[in-house]
Amino acid sequence: MGSRYGKTVRDNLRKVIETQIKKYKCPSCSRVAVKRKSHGVWECRKCGKKFASGAYEFFKVREEEKIENEEK
């Protein structure tokens, strides 16, 4: 991206790309090996498990949120 789009837009895009490329901790095997496979699909390279999460950043659902959703 050249200078035509502005510094703020380029900085925001850089942050999004860095979070996509970053490796995250696997909830099942606890290794830092989870990488983005496609939009919202993340895969652990060590244990091979796949997770559904955010499109740009991996996050796991907290236990409290799971319990609240099951009660409804």
PDB file of N, CA and C in Angstrom:
ATOM      1  N   MET A   1       0.841  -1.175   0.000  1.00  0.00           N
ATOM      2  CA  MET A   1       0.000   0.000   0.000  1.00  0.00           C
ATOM      3  C   MET A   1       0.885   1.236   0.000  1.00  0.00           C
ATOM      4  N   GLY A   2       0.620   2.104  -0.885  1.00  0.00           N
ATOM      5  CA  GLY A   2       1.392   3.332  -0.995  1.00  0.00           C
ATOM      6  C   GLY A   2       0.889   4.405  -0.036  1.00  0.00           C
ATOM      7  N   SER A   3       1.315   5.599  -0.272  1.00  0.00           N
ATOM      8  CA  SER A   3       0.952   6.699   0.618  1.00  0.00           C
ATOM      9  C   SER A   3      -0.460   7.220   0.362  1.00  0.00           C
ATOM     10  N   ARG A   4      -1.150   6.711  -0.622  1.00  0.00           N
ATOM     11  CA  ARG A   4      -2.455   7.265  -0.985  1.00  0.00           C
ATOM     12  C   ARG A   4      -3.537   6.968   0.050  1.00  0.00           C
ATOM     13  N   TYR A   5      -3.402   5.932   0.874  1.00  0.00           N
ATOM     14  CA  TYR A   5      -4.471   5.551   1.789  1.00  0.00           C
ATOM     15  C   TYR A   5      -4.343   6.166   3.173  1.00  0.00           C
ATOM     16  N   GLY A   6      -3.223   6.749   3.530  1.00  0.00           N
ATOM     17  CA  GLY A   6      -3.069   7.385   4.827  1.00  0.00           C
ATOM     18  C   GLY A   6      -2.446   6.468   5.860  1.00  0.00           C
ATOM     19  N   LYS A   7      -1.793   7.073   6.819  1.00  0.00           N
ATOM     20  CA  LYS A   7      -1.058   6.332   7.842  1.00  0.00           C
ATOM     21  C   LYS A   7      -1.985   5.546   8.771  1.00  0.00           C
ATOM     22  N   THR A   8      -3.099   6.128   9.173  1.00  0.00           N
ATOM     23  CA  THR A   8      -4.010   5.466  10.100  1.00  0.00           C
ATOM     24  C   THR A   8      -4.588   4.194   9.494  1.00  0.00           C
ATOM     25  N   VAL A   9      -4.976   4.244   8.249  1.00  0.00           N
ATOM     26  CA  VAL A   9      -5.536   3.069   7.585  1.00  0.00           C
ATOM     27  C   VAL A   9      -4.477   1.980   7.452  1.00  0.00           C
ATOM     28  N   ARG A  10      -3.271   2.363   7.093  1.00  0.00           N
ATOM     29  CA  ARG A  10      -2.192   1.380   6.967  1.00  0.00           C
ATOM     30  C   ARG A  10      -1.850   0.758   8.312  1.00  0.00           C
ATOM     31  N   ASP A  11      -1.848   1.547   9.385  1.00  0.00           N
ATOM     32  CA  ASP A  11      -1.561   1.015  10.718  1.00  0.00           C
ATOM     33  C   ASP A  11      -2.641   0.038  11.168  1.00  0.00           C
ATOM     34  N   ASN A  12      -3.908   0.377  10.920  1.00  0.00           N
ATOM     35  CA  ASN A  12      -4.999  -0.526  11.290  1.00  0.00           C
ATOM     36  C   ASN A  12      -4.924  -1.836  10.509  1.00  0.00           C
ATOM     37  N   LEU A  13      -4.607  -1.764   9.239  1.00  0.00           N
ATOM     38  CA  LEU A  13      -4.476  -2.962   8.418  1.00  0.00           C
ATOM     39  C   LEU A  13      -3.311  -3.824   8.897  1.00  0.00           C
ATOM     40  N   ARG A  14      -2.220  -3.194   9.277  1.00  0.00           N
ATOM     41  CA  ARG A  14      -1.055  -3.924   9.778  1.00  0.00           C
ATOM     42  C   ARG A  14      -1.410  -4.696  11.051  1.00  0.00           C
ATOM     43  N   LYS A  15      -2.188  -4.084  11.962  1.00  0.00           N
ATOM     44  CA  LYS A  15      -2.589  -4.754  13.196  1.00  0.00           C
ATOM     45  C   LYS A  15      -3.455  -5.979  12.903  1.00  0.00           C
ATOM     46  N   VAL A  16      -4.370  -5.850  11.949  1.00  0.00           N
ATOM     47  CA  VAL A  16      -5.247  -6.971  11.591  1.00  0.00           C
ATOM     48  C   VAL A  16      -4.436  -8.110  10.991  1.00  0.00           C
ATOM     49  N   ILE A  17      -3.514  -7.794  10.109  1.00  0.00           N
ATOM     50  CA  ILE A  17      -2.695  -8.827   9.472  1.00  0.00           C
ATOM     51  C   ILE A  17      -1.800  -9.516  10.495  1.00  0.00           C
ATOM     52  N   GLU A  18      -1.257  -8.761  11.457  1.00  0.00           N
ATOM     53  CA  GLU A  18      -0.412  -9.365  12.488  1.00  0.00           C
ATOM     54  C   GLU A  18      -1.205 -10.327  13.365  1.00  0.00           C
ATOM     55  N   THR A  19      -2.463  -9.998  13.697  1.00  0.00           N
ATOM     56  CA  THR A  19      -3.262 -10.908  14.516  1.00  0.00           C
ATOM     57  C   THR A  19      -3.654 -12.163  13.736  1.00  0.00           C
ATOM     58  N   GLN A  20      -3.798 -12.061  12.417  1.00  0.00           N
ATOM     59  CA  GLN A  20      -4.104 -13.239  11.605  1.00  0.00           C
ATOM     60  C   GLN A  20      -2.919 -14.194  11.556  1.00  0.00           C
ATOM     61  N   ILE A  21      -1.716 -13.667  11.438  1.00  0.00           N
ATOM     62  CA  ILE A  21      -0.521 -14.488  11.264  1.00  0.00           C
ATOM     63  C   ILE A  21      -0.028 -15.072  12.584  1.00  0.00           C
ATOM     64  N   LYS A  22      -0.310 -14.392  13.688  1.00  0.00           N
ATOM     65  CA  LYS A  22       0.185 -14.787  15.005  1.00  0.00           C
ATOM     66  C   LYS A  22      -0.285 -16.197  15.380  1.00  0.00           C
ATOM     67  N   LYS A  23       0.556 -16.932  16.115  1.00  0.00           N
ATOM     68  CA  LYS A  23       0.176 -18.240  16.634  1.00  0.00           C
ATOM     69  C   LYS A  23      -0.433 -18.061  18.020  1.00  0.00           C
ATOM     70  N   TYR A  24      -1.453 -18.860  18.322  1.00  0.00           N
ATOM     71  CA  TYR A  24      -2.160 -18.766  19.585  1.00  0.00           C
ATOM     72  C   TYR A  24      -2.050 -20.080  20.352  1.00  0.00           C
ATOM     73  N   LYS A  25      -2.366 -20.033  21.641  1.00  0.00           N
ATOM     74  CA  LYS A  25      -2.290 -21.210  22.507  1.00  0.00           C
ATOM     75  C   LYS A  25      -3.510 -22.098  22.281  1.00  0.00           C
ATOM     76  N   CYS A  26      -3.259 -23.381  22.110  1.00  0.00           N
ATOM     77  CA  CYS A  26      -4.323 -24.354  21.870  1.00  0.00           C
ATOM     78  C   CYS A  26      -5.049 -24.656  23.186  1.00  0.00           C
ATOM     79  N   PRO A  27      -6.388 -24.599  23.205  1.00  0.00           N
ATOM     80  CA  PRO A  27      -7.125 -24.913  24.430  1.00  0.00           C
ATOM     81  C   PRO A  27      -7.050 -26.385  24.825  1.00  0.00           C
ATOM     82  N   SER A  28      -6.792 -27.289  23.894  1.00  0.00           N
ATOM     83  CA  SER A  28      -6.786 -28.714  24.229  1.00  0.00           C
ATOM     84  C   SER A  28      -5.401 -29.235  24.601  1.00  0.00           C
ATOM     85  N   CYS A  29      -4.357 -28.848  23.862  1.00  0.00           N
ATOM     86  CA  CYS A  29      -3.021 -29.378  24.168  1.00  0.00           C
ATOM     87  C   CYS A  29      -2.094 -28.341  24.805  1.00  0.00           C
ATOM     88  N   SER A  30      -2.538 -27.114  24.948  1.00  0.00           N
ATOM     89  CA  SER A  30      -1.811 -26.021  25.618  1.00  0.00           C
ATOM     90  C   SER A  30      -0.491 -25.652  24.957  1.00  0.00           C
ATOM     91  N   ARG A  31      -0.336 -25.913  23.689  1.00  0.00           N
ATOM     92  CA  ARG A  31       0.865 -25.489  22.964  1.00  0.00           C
ATOM     93  C   ARG A  31       0.534 -24.275  22.103  1.00  0.00           C
ATOM     94  N   VAL A  32       1.534 -23.477  21.839  1.00  0.00           N
ATOM     95  CA  VAL A  32       1.341 -22.301  20.991  1.00  0.00           C
ATOM     96  C   VAL A  32       1.486 -22.759  19.544  1.00  0.00           C
ATOM     97  N   ALA A  33       0.394 -23.285  18.981  1.00  0.00           N
ATOM     98  CA  ALA A  33       0.461 -23.868  17.647  1.00  0.00           C
ATOM     99  C   ALA A  33      -0.813 -23.661  16.835  1.00  0.00           C
ATOM    100  N   VAL A  34      -1.735 -22.840  17.313  1.00  0.00           N
ATOM    101  CA  VAL A  34      -2.990 -22.625  16.594  1.00  0.00           C
ATOM    102  C   VAL A  34      -2.780 -21.533  15.555  1.00  0.00           C
ATOM    103  N   LYS A  35      -3.070 -21.865  14.296  1.00  0.00           N
ATOM    104  CA  LYS A  35      -2.945 -20.902  13.203  1.00  0.00           C
ATOM    105  C   LYS A  35      -4.258 -20.829  12.443  1.00  0.00           C
ATOM    106  N   ARG A  36      -4.446 -19.733  11.750  1.00  0.00           N
ATOM    107  CA  ARG A  36      -5.671 -19.493  10.989  1.00  0.00           C
ATOM    108  C   ARG A  36      -5.673 -20.333   9.721  1.00  0.00           C
ATOM    109  N   LYS A  37      -6.740 -21.088   9.524  1.00  0.00           N
ATOM    110  CA  LYS A  37      -6.894 -21.924   8.334  1.00  0.00           C
ATOM    111  C   LYS A  37      -7.690 -21.183   7.258  1.00  0.00           C
ATOM    112  N   SER A  38      -8.808 -20.585   7.654  1.00  0.00           N
ATOM    113  CA  SER A  38      -9.637 -19.770   6.761  1.00  0.00           C
ATOM    114  C   SER A  38     -10.484 -18.845   7.633  1.00  0.00           C
ATOM    115  N   HIS A  39     -11.478 -18.188   7.051  1.00  0.00           N
ATOM    116  CA  HIS A  39     -12.307 -17.249   7.810  1.00  0.00           C
ATOM    117  C   HIS A  39     -13.001 -17.958   8.963  1.00  0.00           C
ATOM    118  N   GLY A  40     -12.615 -17.654  10.185  1.00  0.00           N
ATOM    119  CA  GLY A  40     -13.265 -18.221  11.356  1.00  0.00           C
ATOM    120  C   GLY A  40     -12.881 -19.646  11.681  1.00  0.00           C
ATOM    121  N   VAL A  41     -11.983 -20.258  10.937  1.00  0.00           N
ATOM    122  CA  VAL A  41     -11.550 -21.631  11.192  1.00  0.00           C
ATOM    123  C   VAL A  41     -10.078 -21.604  11.585  1.00  0.00           C
ATOM    124  N   TRP A  42      -9.788 -22.162  12.752  1.00  0.00           N
ATOM    125  CA  TRP A  42      -8.428 -22.188  13.283  1.00  0.00           C
ATOM    126  C   TRP A  42      -8.054 -23.634  13.555  1.00  0.00           C
ATOM    127  N   GLU A  43      -6.789 -23.988  13.334  1.00  0.00           N
ATOM    128  CA  GLU A  43      -6.350 -25.373  13.486  1.00  0.00           C
ATOM    129  C   GLU A  43      -5.046 -25.426  14.269  1.00  0.00           C
ATOM    130  N   CYS A  44      -4.975 -26.383  15.200  1.00  0.00           N
ATOM    131  CA  CYS A  44      -3.750 -26.612  15.955  1.00  0.00           C
ATOM    132  C   CYS A  44      -2.839 -27.498  15.117  1.00  0.00           C
ATOM    133  N   ARG A  45      -1.619 -27.073  14.937  1.00  0.00           N
ATOM    134  CA  ARG A  45      -0.681 -27.835  14.114  1.00  0.00           C
ATOM    135  C   ARG A  45      -0.082 -29.024  14.858  1.00  0.00           C
ATOM    136  N   LYS A  46      -0.207 -29.062  16.181  1.00  0.00           N
ATOM    137  CA  LYS A  46       0.343 -30.175  16.959  1.00  0.00           C
ATOM    138  C   LYS A  46      -0.671 -31.305  17.124  1.00  0.00           C
ATOM    139  N   CYS A  47      -1.863 -30.972  17.642  1.00  0.00           N
ATOM    140  CA  CYS A  47      -2.843 -32.032  17.902  1.00  0.00           C
ATOM    141  C   CYS A  47      -3.853 -32.195  16.767  1.00  0.00           C
ATOM    142  N   GLY A  48      -3.913 -31.245  15.832  1.00  0.00           N
ATOM    143  CA  GLY A  48      -4.777 -31.369  14.668  1.00  0.00           C
ATOM    144  C   GLY A  48      -6.229 -30.984  14.877  1.00  0.00           C
ATOM    145  N   LYS A  49      -6.593 -30.492  16.064  1.00  0.00           N
ATOM    146  CA  LYS A  49      -7.981 -30.108  16.315  1.00  0.00           C
ATOM    147  C   LYS A  49      -8.302 -28.795  15.626  1.00  0.00           C
ATOM    148  N   LYS A  50      -9.552 -28.670  15.180  1.00  0.00           N
ATOM    149  CA  LYS A  50     -10.018 -27.448  14.529  1.00  0.00           C
ATOM    150  C   LYS A  50     -10.991 -26.735  15.458  1.00  0.00           C
ATOM    151  N   PHE A  51     -10.954 -25.407  15.408  1.00  0.00           N
ATOM    152  CA  PHE A  51     -11.797 -24.589  16.259  1.00  0.00           C
ATOM    153  C   PHE A  51     -12.505 -23.540  15.416  1.00  0.00           C
ATOM    154  N   ALA A  52     -13.724 -23.203  15.813  1.00  0.00           N
ATOM    155  CA  ALA A  52     -14.437 -22.079  15.209  1.00  0.00           C
ATOM    156  C   ALA A  52     -14.265 -20.894  16.140  1.00  0.00           C
ATOM    157  N   SER A  53     -13.788 -19.792  15.595  1.00  0.00           N
ATOM    158  CA  SER A  53     -13.519 -18.614  16.416  1.00  0.00           C
ATOM    159  C   SER A  53     -13.682 -17.368  15.561  1.00  0.00           C
ATOM    160  N   GLY A  54     -13.049 -16.293  15.967  1.00  0.00           N
ATOM    161  CA  GLY A  54     -13.151 -15.043  15.229  1.00  0.00           C
ATOM    162  C   GLY A  54     -12.504 -15.131  13.860  1.00  0.00           C
ATOM    163  N   ALA A  55     -12.909 -14.262  12.965  1.00  0.00           N
ATOM    164  CA  ALA A  55     -12.375 -14.283  11.608  1.00  0.00           C
ATOM    165  C   ALA A  55     -10.938 -13.793  11.560  1.00  0.00           C
ATOM    166  N   TYR A  56     -10.583 -12.857  12.439  1.00  0.00           N
ATOM    167  CA  TYR A  56      -9.250 -12.271  12.392  1.00  0.00           C
ATOM    168  C   TYR A  56      -8.406 -12.600  13.614  1.00  0.00           C
ATOM    169  N   GLU A  57      -9.039 -12.979  14.727  1.00  0.00           N
ATOM    170  CA  GLU A  57      -8.308 -13.240  15.958  1.00  0.00           C
ATOM    171  C   GLU A  57      -8.903 -14.456  16.650  1.00  0.00           C
ATOM    172  N   PHE A  58      -8.038 -15.339  17.167  1.00  0.00           N
ATOM    173  CA  PHE A  58      -8.480 -16.549  17.842  1.00  0.00           C
ATOM    174  C   PHE A  58      -8.822 -16.226  19.288  1.00  0.00           C
ATOM    175  N   PHE A  59      -9.990 -16.666  19.735  1.00  0.00           N
ATOM    176  CA  PHE A  59     -10.364 -16.537  21.136  1.00  0.00           C
ATOM    177  C   PHE A  59     -11.214 -17.737  21.496  1.00  0.00           C
ATOM    178  N   LYS A  60     -11.138 -18.133  22.750  1.00  0.00           N
ATOM    179  CA  LYS A  60     -11.957 -19.254  23.188  1.00  0.00           C
ATOM    180  C   LYS A  60     -13.079 -18.736  24.066  1.00  0.00           C
ATOM    181  N   VAL A  61     -14.199 -19.436  24.067  1.00  0.00           N
ATOM    182  CA  VAL A  61     -15.362 -19.035  24.845  1.00  0.00           C
ATOM    183  C   VAL A  61     -15.112 -19.403  26.293  1.00  0.00           C
ATOM    184  N   ARG A  62     -15.379 -18.457  27.175  1.00  0.00           N
ATOM    185  CA  ARG A  62     -15.175 -18.721  28.596  1.00  0.00           C
ATOM    186  C   ARG A  62     -16.227 -19.698  29.097  1.00  0.00           C
ATOM    187  N   GLU A  63     -15.904 -20.420  30.165  1.00  0.00           N
ATOM    188  CA  GLU A  63     -16.811 -21.426  30.711  1.00  0.00           C
ATOM    189  C   GLU A  63     -18.119 -20.796  31.199  1.00  0.00           C
ATOM    190  N   GLU A  64     -18.054 -19.571  31.778  1.00  0.00           N
ATOM    191  CA  GLU A  64     -19.269 -18.928  32.271  1.00  0.00           C
ATOM    192  C   GLU A  64     -20.249 -18.664  31.127  1.00  0.00           C
ATOM    193  N   GLU A  65     -19.720 -18.250  29.977  1.00  0.00           N
ATOM    194  CA  GLU A  65     -20.587 -17.975  28.836  1.00  0.00           C
ATOM    195  C   GLU A  65     -21.224 -19.258  28.310  1.00  0.00           C
ATOM    196  N   LYS A  66     -20.493 -20.363  28.329  1.00  0.00           N
ATOM    197  CA  LYS A  66     -21.052 -21.638  27.881  1.00  0.00           C
ATOM    198  C   LYS A  66     -22.210 -22.057  28.772  1.00  0.00           C
ATOM    199  N   ILE A  67     -22.032 -21.920  30.092  1.00  0.00           N
ATOM    200  CA  ILE A  67     -23.069 -22.323  31.039  1.00  0.00           C
ATOM    201  C   ILE A  67     -24.315 -21.460  30.861  1.00  0.00           C
ATOM    202  N   GLU A  68     -24.137 -20.143  30.695  1.00  0.00           N
ATOM    203  CA  GLU A  68     -25.277 -19.252  30.505  1.00  0.00           C
ATOM    204  C   GLU A  68     -26.032 -19.586  29.227  1.00  0.00           C
ATOM    205  N   ASN A  69     -25.320 -19.916  28.164  1.00  0.00           N
ATOM    206  CA  ASN A  69     -25.971 -20.246  26.897  1.00  0.00           C
ATOM    207  C   ASN A  69     -26.725 -21.563  26.980  1.00  0.00           C
ATOM    208  N   GLU A  70     -26.212 -22.522  27.748  1.00  0.00           N
ATOM    209  CA  GLU A  70     -26.884 -23.810  27.882  1.00  0.00           C
ATOM    210  C   GLU A  70     -28.164 -23.686  28.706  1.00  0.00           C
ATOM    211  N   GLU A  71     -28.175 -22.771  29.697  1.00  0.00           N
ATOM    212  CA  GLU A  71     -29.351 -22.602  30.542  1.00  0.00           C
ATOM    213  C   GLU A  71     -30.509 -21.976  29.785  1.00  0.00           C
ATOM    214  N   LYS A  72     -30.230 -21.181  28.779  1.00  0.00           N
ATOM    215  CA  LYS A  72     -31.285 -20.507  28.010  1.00  0.00           C
ATOM    216  C   LYS A  72     -31.921 -21.466  27.095  1.00  0.00           C
TER     217      LYS A  72
END
